[in-house]
Amino acid sequence: MEKMHYNISVRLFTAGKCFGPGMAALLSLVRERHSLRAAAAEMGMAYSKAWRILRDCEGALGFPLLDSTTGGRHGGGAVLTAEAEALLSDYETFCRRLREEGDSLFSECFERWMN
């Protein structure tokens, strides 16, 4: 029998879902790659879908997440806005702390089922 485990997926809501693991992963990759197109490709996501979910998230949050420059001689690129950096940092901290608390609570509640 496989060892019992749990999973927590954090999604933030305004009027509707606006930020979750997928958006966090996309923004993290944009931070690394300096490109929404490269981030979307690495996630196996169409560039048009990445733009759509980014716009939807920005609309729900009420602030831009990326500062983008269009291509040209030196190519385009994207960087996270200060608000996006702060939101992503807070989201990652919240998820980490929730996992830590969840691990402790899971062990306490399900100890007899884990042998």
PDB file of N, CA and C in Angstrom:
ATOM      1  N   MET A   1       0.840  -1.188   0.000  1.00  0.00           N
ATOM      2  CA  MET A   1       0.000   0.000   0.000  1.00  0.00           C
ATOM      3  C   MET A   1       0.882   1.246   0.000  1.00  0.00           C
ATOM      4  N   GLU A   2       0.508   2.212  -0.802  1.00  0.00           N
ATOM      5  CA  GLU A   2       1.258   3.466  -0.893  1.00  0.00           C
ATOM      6  C   GLU A   2       1.067   4.288   0.375  1.00  0.00           C
ATOM      7  N   LYS A   3       2.129   4.978   0.768  1.00  0.00           N
ATOM      8  CA  LYS A   3       2.080   5.815   1.965  1.00  0.00           C
ATOM      9  C   LYS A   3       1.073   6.956   1.775  1.00  0.00           C
ATOM     10  N   MET A   4       0.272   7.196   2.813  1.00  0.00           N
ATOM     11  CA  MET A   4      -0.724   8.262   2.766  1.00  0.00           C
ATOM     12  C   MET A   4      -0.034   9.619   2.764  1.00  0.00           C
ATOM     13  N   HIS A   5      -0.591  10.536   2.004  1.00  0.00           N
ATOM     14  CA  HIS A   5      -0.065  11.892   1.948  1.00  0.00           C
ATOM     15  C   HIS A   5      -1.220  12.856   1.695  1.00  0.00           C
ATOM     16  N   TYR A   6      -0.928  14.117   1.676  1.00  0.00           N
ATOM     17  CA  TYR A   6      -1.954  15.127   1.417  1.00  0.00           C
ATOM     18  C   TYR A   6      -1.409  16.131   0.414  1.00  0.00           C
ATOM     19  N   ASN A   7      -2.296  16.960  -0.084  1.00  0.00           N
ATOM     20  CA  ASN A   7      -1.893  18.004  -1.011  1.00  0.00           C
ATOM     21  C   ASN A   7      -2.735  19.251  -0.738  1.00  0.00           C
ATOM     22  N   ILE A   8      -2.094  20.388  -0.732  1.00  0.00           N
ATOM     23  CA  ILE A   8      -2.788  21.661  -0.585  1.00  0.00           C
ATOM     24  C   ILE A   8      -2.453  22.502  -1.812  1.00  0.00           C
ATOM     25  N   SER A   9      -3.482  23.053  -2.428  1.00  0.00           N
ATOM     26  CA  SER A   9      -3.291  23.948  -3.562  1.00  0.00           C
ATOM     27  C   SER A   9      -3.925  25.283  -3.199  1.00  0.00           C
ATOM     28  N   VAL A  10      -3.131  26.331  -3.174  1.00  0.00           N
ATOM     29  CA  VAL A  10      -3.612  27.640  -2.737  1.00  0.00           C
ATOM     30  C   VAL A  10      -4.030  28.471  -3.938  1.00  0.00           C
ATOM     31  N   ARG A  11      -5.251  28.963  -3.886  1.00  0.00           N
ATOM     32  CA  ARG A  11      -5.778  29.868  -4.903  1.00  0.00           C
ATOM     33  C   ARG A  11      -6.319  31.099  -4.198  1.00  0.00           C
ATOM     34  N   LEU A  12      -5.995  32.255  -4.722  1.00  0.00           N
ATOM     35  CA  LEU A  12      -6.472  33.513  -4.163  1.00  0.00           C
ATOM     36  C   LEU A  12      -7.647  34.001  -4.999  1.00  0.00           C
ATOM     37  N   PHE A  13      -8.610  34.609  -4.352  1.00  0.00           N
ATOM     38  CA  PHE A  13      -9.833  35.038  -5.022  1.00  0.00           C
ATOM     39  C   PHE A  13     -10.113  36.511  -4.773  1.00  0.00           C
ATOM     40  N   THR A  14     -10.649  37.160  -5.774  1.00  0.00           N
ATOM     41  CA  THR A  14     -11.286  38.469  -5.603  1.00  0.00           C
ATOM     42  C   THR A  14     -12.761  38.166  -5.855  1.00  0.00           C
ATOM     43  N   ALA A  15     -13.349  38.676  -6.911  1.00  0.00           N
ATOM     44  CA  ALA A  15     -14.714  38.280  -7.269  1.00  0.00           C
ATOM     45  C   ALA A  15     -14.709  36.851  -7.820  1.00  0.00           C
ATOM     46  N   GLY A  16     -13.624  36.468  -8.430  1.00  0.00           N
ATOM     47  CA  GLY A  16     -13.429  35.124  -8.946  1.00  0.00           C
ATOM     48  C   GLY A  16     -11.986  34.731  -8.706  1.00  0.00           C
ATOM     49  N   LYS A  17     -11.624  33.529  -9.145  1.00  0.00           N
ATOM     50  CA  LYS A  17     -10.241  33.085  -8.970  1.00  0.00           C
ATOM     51  C   LYS A  17      -9.318  34.046  -9.700  1.00  0.00           C
ATOM     52  N   CYS A  18      -8.255  34.468  -9.031  1.00  0.00           N
ATOM     53  CA  CYS A  18      -7.366  35.411  -9.716  1.00  0.00           C
ATOM     54  C   CYS A  18      -5.897  35.023  -9.644  1.00  0.00           C
ATOM     55  N   PHE A  19      -5.500  34.166  -8.716  1.00  0.00           N
ATOM     56  CA  PHE A  19      -4.077  33.855  -8.594  1.00  0.00           C
ATOM     57  C   PHE A  19      -3.934  32.487  -7.950  1.00  0.00           C
ATOM     58  N   GLY A  20      -3.108  31.646  -8.549  1.00  0.00           N
ATOM     59  CA  GLY A  20      -2.901  30.313  -8.010  1.00  0.00           C
ATOM     60  C   GLY A  20      -1.563  29.759  -8.447  1.00  0.00           C
ATOM     61  N   PRO A  21      -1.410  28.449  -8.322  1.00  0.00           N
ATOM     62  CA  PRO A  21      -0.116  27.829  -8.634  1.00  0.00           C
ATOM     63  C   PRO A  21       0.344  28.045 -10.073  1.00  0.00           C
ATOM     64  N   GLY A  22      -0.590  28.030 -11.011  1.00  0.00           N
ATOM     65  CA  GLY A  22      -0.216  28.230 -12.413  1.00  0.00           C
ATOM     66  C   GLY A  22       0.321  29.623 -12.682  1.00  0.00           C
ATOM     67  N   MET A  23      -0.362  30.635 -12.154  1.00  0.00           N
ATOM     68  CA  MET A  23       0.094  32.013 -12.344  1.00  0.00           C
ATOM     69  C   MET A  23       1.407  32.237 -11.611  1.00  0.00           C
ATOM     70  N   ALA A  24       1.539  31.656 -10.429  1.00  0.00           N
ATOM     71  CA  ALA A  24       2.796  31.789  -9.681  1.00  0.00           C
ATOM     72  C   ALA A  24       3.949  31.174 -10.471  1.00  0.00           C
ATOM     73  N   ALA A  25       3.718  30.007 -11.063  1.00  0.00           N
ATOM     74  CA  ALA A  25       4.760  29.359 -11.866  1.00  0.00           C
ATOM     75  C   ALA A  25       5.101  30.199 -13.092  1.00  0.00           C
ATOM     76  N   LEU A  26       4.074  30.741 -13.748  1.00  0.00           N
ATOM     77  CA  LEU A  26       4.301  31.574 -14.931  1.00  0.00           C
ATOM     78  C   LEU A  26       5.131  32.808 -14.574  1.00  0.00           C
ATOM     79  N   LEU A  27       4.764  33.492 -13.499  1.00  0.00           N
ATOM     80  CA  LEU A  27       5.512  34.686 -13.098  1.00  0.00           C
ATOM     81  C   LEU A  27       6.939  34.340 -12.679  1.00  0.00           C
ATOM     82  N   SER A  28       7.118  33.219 -11.996  1.00  0.00           N
ATOM     83  CA  SER A  28       8.475  32.799 -11.609  1.00  0.00           C
ATOM     84  C   SER A  28       9.351  32.579 -12.832  1.00  0.00           C
ATOM     85  N   LEU A  29       8.773  31.961 -13.856  1.00  0.00           N
ATOM     86  CA  LEU A  29       9.534  31.722 -15.086  1.00  0.00           C
ATOM     87  C   LEU A  29       9.794  33.017 -15.849  1.00  0.00           C
ATOM     88  N   VAL A  30       8.838  33.934 -15.845  1.00  0.00           N
ATOM     89  CA  VAL A  30       9.077  35.240 -16.476  1.00  0.00           C
ATOM     90  C   VAL A  30      10.229  35.934 -15.755  1.00  0.00           C
ATOM     91  N   ARG A  31      10.249  35.842 -14.447  1.00  0.00           N
ATOM     92  CA  ARG A  31      11.340  36.446 -13.660  1.00  0.00           C
ATOM     93  C   ARG A  31      12.696  35.863 -14.086  1.00  0.00           C
ATOM     94  N   GLU A  32      12.743  34.562 -14.313  1.00  0.00           N
ATOM     95  CA  GLU A  32      13.999  33.902 -14.702  1.00  0.00           C
ATOM     96  C   GLU A  32      14.371  34.158 -16.161  1.00  0.00           C
ATOM     97  N   ARG A  33      13.384  34.079 -17.045  1.00  0.00           N
ATOM     98  CA  ARG A  33      13.641  34.122 -18.492  1.00  0.00           C
ATOM     99  C   ARG A  33      13.520  35.525 -19.090  1.00  0.00           C
ATOM    100  N   HIS A  34      12.917  36.451 -18.361  1.00  0.00           N
ATOM    101  CA  HIS A  34      12.677  37.814 -18.856  1.00  0.00           C
ATOM    102  C   HIS A  34      11.852  37.803 -20.137  1.00  0.00           C
ATOM    103  N   SER A  35      10.943  36.820 -20.223  1.00  0.00           N
ATOM    104  CA  SER A  35      10.127  36.686 -21.428  1.00  0.00           C
ATOM    105  C   SER A  35       8.867  35.894 -21.111  1.00  0.00           C
ATOM    106  N   LEU A  36       7.716  36.458 -21.448  1.00  0.00           N
ATOM    107  CA  LEU A  36       6.462  35.727 -21.276  1.00  0.00           C
ATOM    108  C   LEU A  36       6.399  34.571 -22.265  1.00  0.00           C
ATOM    109  N   ARG A  37       6.874  34.808 -23.487  1.00  0.00           N
ATOM    110  CA  ARG A  37       6.854  33.749 -24.499  1.00  0.00           C
ATOM    111  C   ARG A  37       7.697  32.549 -24.059  1.00  0.00           C
ATOM    112  N   ALA A  38       8.892  32.799 -23.545  1.00  0.00           N
ATOM    113  CA  ALA A  38       9.761  31.709 -23.087  1.00  0.00           C
ATOM    114  C   ALA A  38       9.160  30.999 -21.877  1.00  0.00           C
ATOM    115  N   ALA A  39       8.555  31.762 -20.973  1.00  0.00           N
ATOM    116  CA  ALA A  39       7.929  31.165 -19.790  1.00  0.00           C
ATOM    117  C   ALA A  39       6.772  30.261 -20.199  1.00  0.00           C
ATOM    118  N   ALA A  40       5.937  30.749 -21.107  1.00  0.00           N
ATOM    119  CA  ALA A  40       4.802  29.956 -21.579  1.00  0.00           C
ATOM    120  C   ALA A  40       5.286  28.684 -22.267  1.00  0.00           C
ATOM    121  N   ALA A  41       6.294  28.809 -23.116  1.00  0.00           N
ATOM    122  CA  ALA A  41       6.829  27.639 -23.825  1.00  0.00           C
ATOM    123  C   ALA A  41       7.360  26.608 -22.843  1.00  0.00           C
ATOM    124  N   GLU A  42       8.060  27.061 -21.817  1.00  0.00           N
ATOM    125  CA  GLU A  42       8.615  26.127 -20.836  1.00  0.00           C
ATOM    126  C   GLU A  42       7.512  25.390 -20.082  1.00  0.00           C
ATOM    127  N   MET A  43       6.369  26.044 -19.924  1.00  0.00           N
ATOM    128  CA  MET A  43       5.241  25.410 -19.240  1.00  0.00           C
ATOM    129  C   MET A  43       4.380  24.584 -20.191  1.00  0.00           C
ATOM    130  N   GLY A  44       4.709  24.595 -21.485  1.00  0.00           N
ATOM    131  CA  GLY A  44       3.903  23.880 -22.466  1.00  0.00           C
ATOM    132  C   GLY A  44       2.571  24.572 -22.728  1.00  0.00           C
ATOM    133  N   MET A  45       2.568  25.884 -22.569  1.00  0.00           N
ATOM    134  CA  MET A  45       1.353  26.684 -22.702  1.00  0.00           C
ATOM    135  C   MET A  45       1.469  27.566 -23.940  1.00  0.00           C
ATOM    136  N   ALA A  46       0.371  27.728 -24.643  1.00  0.00           N
ATOM    137  CA  ALA A  46       0.358  28.639 -25.786  1.00  0.00           C
ATOM    138  C   ALA A  46       0.591  30.064 -25.295  1.00  0.00           C
ATOM    139  N   TYR A  47       1.340  30.826 -26.069  1.00  0.00           N
ATOM    140  CA  TYR A  47       1.620  32.218 -25.730  1.00  0.00           C
ATOM    141  C   TYR A  47       0.325  33.007 -25.587  1.00  0.00           C
ATOM    142  N   SER A  48      -0.646  32.727 -26.465  1.00  0.00           N
ATOM    143  CA  SER A  48      -1.933  33.439 -26.394  1.00  0.00           C
ATOM    144  C   SER A  48      -2.665  33.130 -25.090  1.00  0.00           C
ATOM    145  N   LYS A  49      -2.571  31.900 -24.620  1.00  0.00           N
ATOM    146  CA  LYS A  49      -3.202  31.545 -23.343  1.00  0.00           C
ATOM    147  C   LYS A  49      -2.496  32.256 -22.193  1.00  0.00           C
ATOM    148  N   ALA A  50      -1.172  32.311 -22.247  1.00  0.00           N
ATOM    149  CA  ALA A  50      -0.420  33.000 -21.194  1.00  0.00           C
ATOM    150  C   ALA A  50      -0.845  34.460 -21.110  1.00  0.00           C
ATOM    151  N   TRP A  51      -0.971  35.123 -22.274  1.00  0.00           N
ATOM    152  CA  TRP A  51      -1.415  36.515 -22.289  1.00  0.00           C
ATOM    153  C   TRP A  51      -2.821  36.648 -21.731  1.00  0.00           C
ATOM    154  N   ARG A  52      -3.715  35.711 -22.108  1.00  0.00           N
ATOM    155  CA  ARG A  52      -5.106  35.780 -21.654  1.00  0.00           C
ATOM    156  C   ARG A  52      -5.202  35.632 -20.140  1.00  0.00           C
ATOM    157  N   ILE A  53      -4.530  34.635 -19.568  1.00  0.00           N
ATOM    158  CA  ILE A  53      -4.646  34.451 -18.118  1.00  0.00           C
ATOM    159  C   ILE A  53      -3.935  35.574 -17.364  1.00  0.00           C
ATOM    160  N   LEU A  54      -2.879  36.109 -17.961  1.00  0.00           N
ATOM    161  CA  LEU A  54      -2.199  37.249 -17.345  1.00  0.00           C
ATOM    162  C   LEU A  54      -3.125  38.466 -17.314  1.00  0.00           C
ATOM    163  N   ARG A  55      -3.769  38.757 -18.434  1.00  0.00           N
ATOM    164  CA  ARG A  55      -4.713  39.891 -18.488  1.00  0.00           C
ATOM    165  C   ARG A  55      -5.875  39.691 -17.525  1.00  0.00           C
ATOM    166  N   ASP A  56      -6.404  38.464 -17.459  1.00  0.00           N
ATOM    167  CA  ASP A  56      -7.511  38.173 -16.539  1.00  0.00           C
ATOM    168  C   ASP A  56      -7.083  38.396 -15.092  1.00  0.00           C
ATOM    169  N   CYS A  57      -5.895  37.938 -14.756  1.00  0.00           N
ATOM    170  CA  CYS A  57      -5.374  38.100 -13.398  1.00  0.00           C
ATOM    171  C   CYS A  57      -5.159  39.574 -13.077  1.00  0.00           C
ATOM    172  N   GLU A  58      -4.558  40.303 -14.007  1.00  0.00           N
ATOM    173  CA  GLU A  58      -4.343  41.741 -13.800  1.00  0.00           C
ATOM    174  C   GLU A  58      -5.672  42.470 -13.606  1.00  0.00           C
ATOM    175  N   GLY A  59      -6.672  42.087 -14.390  1.00  0.00           N
ATOM    176  CA  GLY A  59      -7.987  42.708 -14.262  1.00  0.00           C
ATOM    177  C   GLY A  59      -8.612  42.434 -12.905  1.00  0.00           C
ATOM    178  N   ALA A  60      -8.473  41.210 -12.421  1.00  0.00           N
ATOM    179  CA  ALA A  60      -9.039  40.846 -11.118  1.00  0.00           C
ATOM    180  C   ALA A  60      -8.299  41.532  -9.977  1.00  0.00           C
ATOM    181  N   LEU A  61      -6.987  41.675 -10.123  1.00  0.00           N
ATOM    182  CA  LEU A  61      -6.183  42.281  -9.058  1.00  0.00           C
ATOM    183  C   LEU A  61      -6.217  43.805  -9.091  1.00  0.00           C
ATOM    184  N   GLY A  62      -6.369  44.359 -10.286  1.00  0.00           N
ATOM    185  CA  GLY A  62      -6.418  45.811 -10.414  1.00  0.00           C
ATOM    186  C   GLY A  62      -5.066  46.476 -10.579  1.00  0.00           C
ATOM    187  N   PHE A  63      -4.049  45.694 -10.917  1.00  0.00           N
ATOM    188  CA  PHE A  63      -2.730  46.278 -11.182  1.00  0.00           C
ATOM    189  C   PHE A  63      -1.974  45.392 -12.160  1.00  0.00           C
ATOM    190  N   PRO A  64      -1.025  45.983 -12.911  1.00  0.00           N
ATOM    191  CA  PRO A  64      -0.245  45.203 -13.877  1.00  0.00           C
ATOM    192  C   PRO A  64       0.759  44.290 -13.177  1.00  0.00           C
ATOM    193  N   LEU A  65       1.013  43.162 -13.801  1.00  0.00           N
ATOM    194  CA  LEU A  65       1.976  42.198 -13.268  1.00  0.00           C
ATOM    195  C   LEU A  65       3.304  42.231 -14.014  1.00  0.00           C
ATOM    196  N   LEU A  66       3.277  42.674 -15.267  1.00  0.00           N
ATOM    197  CA  LEU A  66       4.495  42.703 -16.082  1.00  0.00           C
ATOM    198  C   LEU A  66       4.733  44.084 -16.670  1.00  0.00           C
ATOM    199  N   ASP A  67       6.002  44.431 -16.776  1.00  0.00           N
ATOM    200  CA  ASP A  67       6.450  45.551 -17.599  1.00  0.00           C
ATOM    201  C   ASP A  67       7.084  44.908 -18.822  1.00  0.00           C
ATOM    202  N   SER A  68       6.509  45.144 -19.983  1.00  0.00           N
ATOM    203  CA  SER A  68       6.986  44.505 -21.210  1.00  0.00           C
ATOM    204  C   SER A  68       7.544  45.532 -22.176  1.00  0.00           C
ATOM    205  N   THR A  69       8.543  45.102 -22.927  1.00  0.00           N
ATOM    206  CA  THR A  69       9.055  45.897 -24.037  1.00  0.00           C
ATOM    207  C   THR A  69       8.891  45.069 -25.296  1.00  0.00           C
ATOM    208  N   THR A  70       8.515  45.727 -26.387  1.00  0.00           N
ATOM    209  CA  THR A  70       8.321  45.012 -27.640  1.00  0.00           C
ATOM    210  C   THR A  70       9.669  44.731 -28.285  1.00  0.00           C
ATOM    211  N   GLY A  71       9.660  43.782 -29.200  1.00  0.00           N
ATOM    212  CA  GLY A  71      10.890  43.395 -29.875  1.00  0.00           C
ATOM    213  C   GLY A  71      11.481  44.527 -30.688  1.00  0.00           C
ATOM    214  N   GLY A  72      12.584  44.270 -31.245  1.00  0.00           N
ATOM    215  CA  GLY A  72      13.310  45.267 -32.025  1.00  0.00           C
ATOM    216  C   GLY A  72      14.726  44.771 -32.204  1.00  0.00           C
ATOM    217  N   ARG A  73      15.637  45.683 -32.367  1.00  0.00           N
ATOM    218  CA  ARG A  73      17.027  45.311 -32.602  1.00  0.00           C
ATOM    219  C   ARG A  73      17.594  44.448 -31.475  1.00  0.00           C
ATOM    220  N   HIS A  74      17.232  44.785 -30.244  1.00  0.00           N
ATOM    221  CA  HIS A  74      17.747  44.027 -29.102  1.00  0.00           C
ATOM    222  C   HIS A  74      16.722  43.052 -28.543  1.00  0.00           C
ATOM    223  N   GLY A  75      15.611  42.882 -29.229  1.00  0.00           N
ATOM    224  CA  GLY A  75      14.575  41.959 -28.779  1.00  0.00           C
ATOM    225  C   GLY A  75      13.726  42.567 -27.679  1.00  0.00           C
ATOM    226  N   GLY A  76      12.602  41.952 -27.438  1.00  0.00           N
ATOM    227  CA  GLY A  76      11.705  42.416 -26.383  1.00  0.00           C
ATOM    228  C   GLY A  76      12.005  41.693 -25.091  1.00  0.00           C
ATOM    229  N   GLY A  77      11.164  41.931 -24.128  1.00  0.00           N
ATOM    230  CA  GLY A  77      11.344  41.256 -22.864  1.00  0.00           C
ATOM    231  C   GLY A  77      10.273  41.661 -21.877  1.00  0.00           C
ATOM    232  N   ALA A  78      10.319  41.042 -20.731  1.00  0.00           N
ATOM    233  CA  ALA A  78       9.341  41.327 -19.687  1.00  0.00           C
ATOM    234  C   ALA A  78       9.998  41.160 -18.331  1.00  0.00           C
ATOM    235  N   VAL A  79       9.604  42.021 -17.427  1.00  0.00           N
ATOM    236  CA  VAL A  79      10.029  41.906 -16.027  1.00  0.00           C
ATOM    237  C   VAL A  79       8.784  42.067 -15.163  1.00  0.00           C
ATOM    238  N   LEU A  80       8.831  41.498 -13.975  1.00  0.00           N
ATOM    239  CA  LEU A  80       7.716  41.632 -13.050  1.00  0.00           C
ATOM    240  C   LEU A  80       7.668  43.052 -12.507  1.00  0.00           C
ATOM    241  N   THR A  81       6.456  43.561 -12.334  1.00  0.00           N
ATOM    242  CA  THR A  81       6.304  44.852 -11.671  1.00  0.00           C
ATOM    243  C   THR A  81       6.623  44.672 -10.187  1.00  0.00           C
ATOM    244  N   ALA A  82       6.810  45.773  -9.497  1.00  0.00           N
ATOM    245  CA  ALA A  82       7.068  45.706  -8.055  1.00  0.00           C
ATOM    246  C   ALA A  82       5.907  45.022  -7.339  1.00  0.00           C
ATOM    247  N   GLU A  83       4.677  45.307  -7.774  1.00  0.00           N
ATOM    248  CA  GLU A  83       3.505  44.675  -7.164  1.00  0.00           C
ATOM    249  C   GLU A  83       3.508  43.171  -7.396  1.00  0.00           C
ATOM    250  N   ALA A  84       3.870  42.751  -8.602  1.00  0.00           N
ATOM    251  CA  ALA A  84       3.925  41.320  -8.910  1.00  0.00           C
ATOM    252  C   ALA A  84       5.002  40.629  -8.084  1.00  0.00           C
ATOM    253  N   GLU A  85       6.162  41.263  -7.948  1.00  0.00           N
ATOM    254  CA  GLU A  85       7.235  40.695  -7.115  1.00  0.00           C
ATOM    255  C   GLU A  85       6.750  40.510  -5.682  1.00  0.00           C
ATOM    256  N   ALA A  86       6.069  41.531  -5.145  1.00  0.00           N
ATOM    257  CA  ALA A  86       5.584  41.463  -3.766  1.00  0.00           C
ATOM    258  C   ALA A  86       4.505  40.395  -3.615  1.00  0.00           C
ATOM    259  N   LEU A  87       3.563  40.347  -4.570  1.00  0.00           N
ATOM    260  CA  LEU A  87       2.493  39.351  -4.504  1.00  0.00           C
ATOM    261  C   LEU A  87       3.062  37.942  -4.592  1.00  0.00           C
ATOM    262  N   LEU A  88       3.975  37.717  -5.528  1.00  0.00           N
ATOM    263  CA  LEU A  88       4.576  36.400  -5.691  1.00  0.00           C
ATOM    264  C   LEU A  88       5.343  35.999  -4.437  1.00  0.00           C
ATOM    265  N   SER A  89       6.089  36.915  -3.869  1.00  0.00           N
ATOM    266  CA  SER A  89       6.831  36.635  -2.639  1.00  0.00           C
ATOM    267  C   SER A  89       5.885  36.279  -1.494  1.00  0.00           C
ATOM    268  N   ASP A  90       4.823  37.064  -1.332  1.00  0.00           N
ATOM    269  CA  ASP A  90       3.852  36.789  -0.267  1.00  0.00           C
ATOM    270  C   ASP A  90       3.144  35.458  -0.499  1.00  0.00           C
ATOM    271  N   TYR A  91       2.803  35.161  -1.746  1.00  0.00           N
ATOM    272  CA  TYR A  91       2.145  33.897  -2.090  1.00  0.00           C
ATOM    273  C   TYR A  91       3.063  32.719  -1.756  1.00  0.00           C
ATOM    274  N   GLU A  92       4.332  32.819  -2.152  1.00  0.00           N
ATOM    275  CA  GLU A  92       5.281  31.737  -1.877  1.00  0.00           C
ATOM    276  C   GLU A  92       5.491  31.553  -0.376  1.00  0.00           C
ATOM    277  N   THR A  93       5.578  32.648   0.365  1.00  0.00           N
ATOM    278  CA  THR A  93       5.728  32.569   1.819  1.00  0.00           C
ATOM    279  C   THR A  93       4.500  31.922   2.446  1.00  0.00           C
ATOM    280  N   PHE A  94       3.317  32.348   2.022  1.00  0.00           N
ATOM    281  CA  PHE A  94       2.081  31.781   2.550  1.00  0.00           C
ATOM    282  C   PHE A  94       2.013  30.281   2.274  1.00  0.00           C
ATOM    283  N   CYS A  95       2.321  29.872   1.045  1.00  0.00           N
ATOM    284  CA  CYS A  95       2.287  28.449   0.686  1.00  0.00           C
ATOM    285  C   CYS A  95       3.286  27.645   1.505  1.00  0.00           C
ATOM    286  N   ARG A  96       4.493  28.175   1.671  1.00  0.00           N
ATOM    287  CA  ARG A  96       5.519  27.473   2.454  1.00  0.00           C
ATOM    288  C   ARG A  96       5.074  27.300   3.896  1.00  0.00           C
ATOM    289  N   ARG A  97       4.575  28.373   4.498  1.00  0.00           N
ATOM    290  CA  ARG A  97       4.154  28.303   5.897  1.00  0.00           C
ATOM    291  C   ARG A  97       2.930  27.406   6.065  1.00  0.00           C
ATOM    292  N   LEU A  98       2.026  27.436   5.113  1.00  0.00           N
ATOM    293  CA  LEU A  98       0.856  26.568   5.159  1.00  0.00           C
ATOM    294  C   LEU A  98       1.270  25.102   5.064  1.00  0.00           C
ATOM    295  N   ARG A  99       2.254  24.799   4.197  1.00  0.00           N
ATOM    296  CA  ARG A  99       2.771  23.431   4.090  1.00  0.00           C
ATOM    297  C   ARG A  99       3.403  22.984   5.397  1.00  0.00           C
ATOM    298  N   GLU A 100       4.194  23.870   6.009  1.00  0.00           N
ATOM    299  CA  GLU A 100       4.836  23.530   7.282  1.00  0.00           C
ATOM    300  C   GLU A 100       3.791  23.207   8.344  1.00  0.00           C
ATOM    301  N   GLU A 101       2.792  24.053   8.465  1.00  0.00           N
ATOM    302  CA  GLU A 101       1.718  23.807   9.438  1.00  0.00           C
ATOM    303  C   GLU A 101       0.928  22.559   9.053  1.00  0.00           C
ATOM    304  N   GLY A 102       0.672  22.405   7.761  1.00  0.00           N
ATOM    305  CA  GLY A 102      -0.062  21.239   7.274  1.00  0.00           C
ATOM    306  C   GLY A 102       0.665  19.943   7.563  1.00  0.00           C
ATOM    307  N   ASP A 103       1.985  19.927   7.397  1.00  0.00           N
ATOM    308  CA  ASP A 103       2.769  18.723   7.691  1.00  0.00           C
ATOM    309  C   ASP A 103       2.600  18.312   9.146  1.00  0.00           C
ATOM    310  N   SER A 104       2.684  19.283  10.031  1.00  0.00           N
ATOM    311  CA  SER A 104       2.542  19.009  11.458  1.00  0.00           C
ATOM    312  C   SER A 104       1.137  18.505  11.776  1.00  0.00           C
ATOM    313  N   LEU A 105       0.137  19.178  11.265  1.00  0.00           N
ATOM    314  CA  LEU A 105      -1.246  18.795  11.520  1.00  0.00           C
ATOM    315  C   LEU A 105      -1.565  17.436  10.905  1.00  0.00           C
ATOM    316  N   PHE A 106      -1.050  17.188   9.693  1.00  0.00           N
ATOM    317  CA  PHE A 106      -1.279  15.903   9.038  1.00  0.00           C
ATOM    318  C   PHE A 106      -0.701  14.769   9.876  1.00  0.00           C
ATOM    319  N   SER A 107       0.528  14.938  10.354  1.00  0.00           N
ATOM    320  CA  SER A 107       1.156  13.909  11.192  1.00  0.00           C
ATOM    321  C   SER A 107       0.339  13.661  12.451  1.00  0.00           C
ATOM    322  N   GLU A 108      -0.131  14.732  13.050  1.00  0.00           N
ATOM    323  CA  GLU A 108      -0.923  14.625  14.279  1.00  0.00           C
ATOM    324  C   GLU A 108      -2.251  13.907  14.026  1.00  0.00           C
ATOM    325  N   CYS A 109      -2.934  14.266  12.972  1.00  0.00           N
ATOM    326  CA  CYS A 109      -4.273  13.723  12.717  1.00  0.00           C
ATOM    327  C   CYS A 109      -4.270  12.327  12.094  1.00  0.00           C
ATOM    328  N   PHE A 110      -3.262  12.007  11.311  1.00  0.00           N
ATOM    329  CA  PHE A 110      -3.284  10.759  10.548  1.00  0.00           C
ATOM    330  C   PHE A 110      -2.159   9.795  10.923  1.00  0.00           C
ATOM    331  N   GLU A 111      -1.531  10.025  12.056  1.00  0.00           N
ATOM    332  CA  GLU A 111      -0.397   9.194  12.464  1.00  0.00           C
ATOM    333  C   GLU A 111      -0.747   7.712  12.453  1.00  0.00           C
ATOM    334  N   ARG A 112      -1.911   7.337  12.973  1.00  0.00           N
ATOM    335  CA  ARG A 112      -2.256   5.908  13.061  1.00  0.00           C
ATOM    336  C   ARG A 112      -2.496   5.276  11.693  1.00  0.00           C
ATOM    337  N   TRP A 113      -2.704   6.076  10.668  1.00  0.00           N
ATOM    338  CA  TRP A 113      -2.960   5.556   9.326  1.00  0.00           C
ATOM    339  C   TRP A 113      -1.702   5.504   8.458  1.00  0.00           C
ATOM    340  N   MET A 114      -0.606   5.990   8.991  1.00  0.00           N
ATOM    341  CA  MET A 114       0.604   6.117   8.173  1.00  0.00           C
ATOM    342  C   MET A 114       1.586   4.966   8.341  1.00  0.00           C
ATOM    343  N   ASN A 115       1.242   3.956   9.090  1.00  0.00           N
ATOM    344  CA  ASN A 115       2.166   2.816   9.291  1.00  0.00           C
ATOM    345  C   ASN A 115       1.935   1.722   8.298  1.00  0.00           C
TER     346      ASN A 115
END
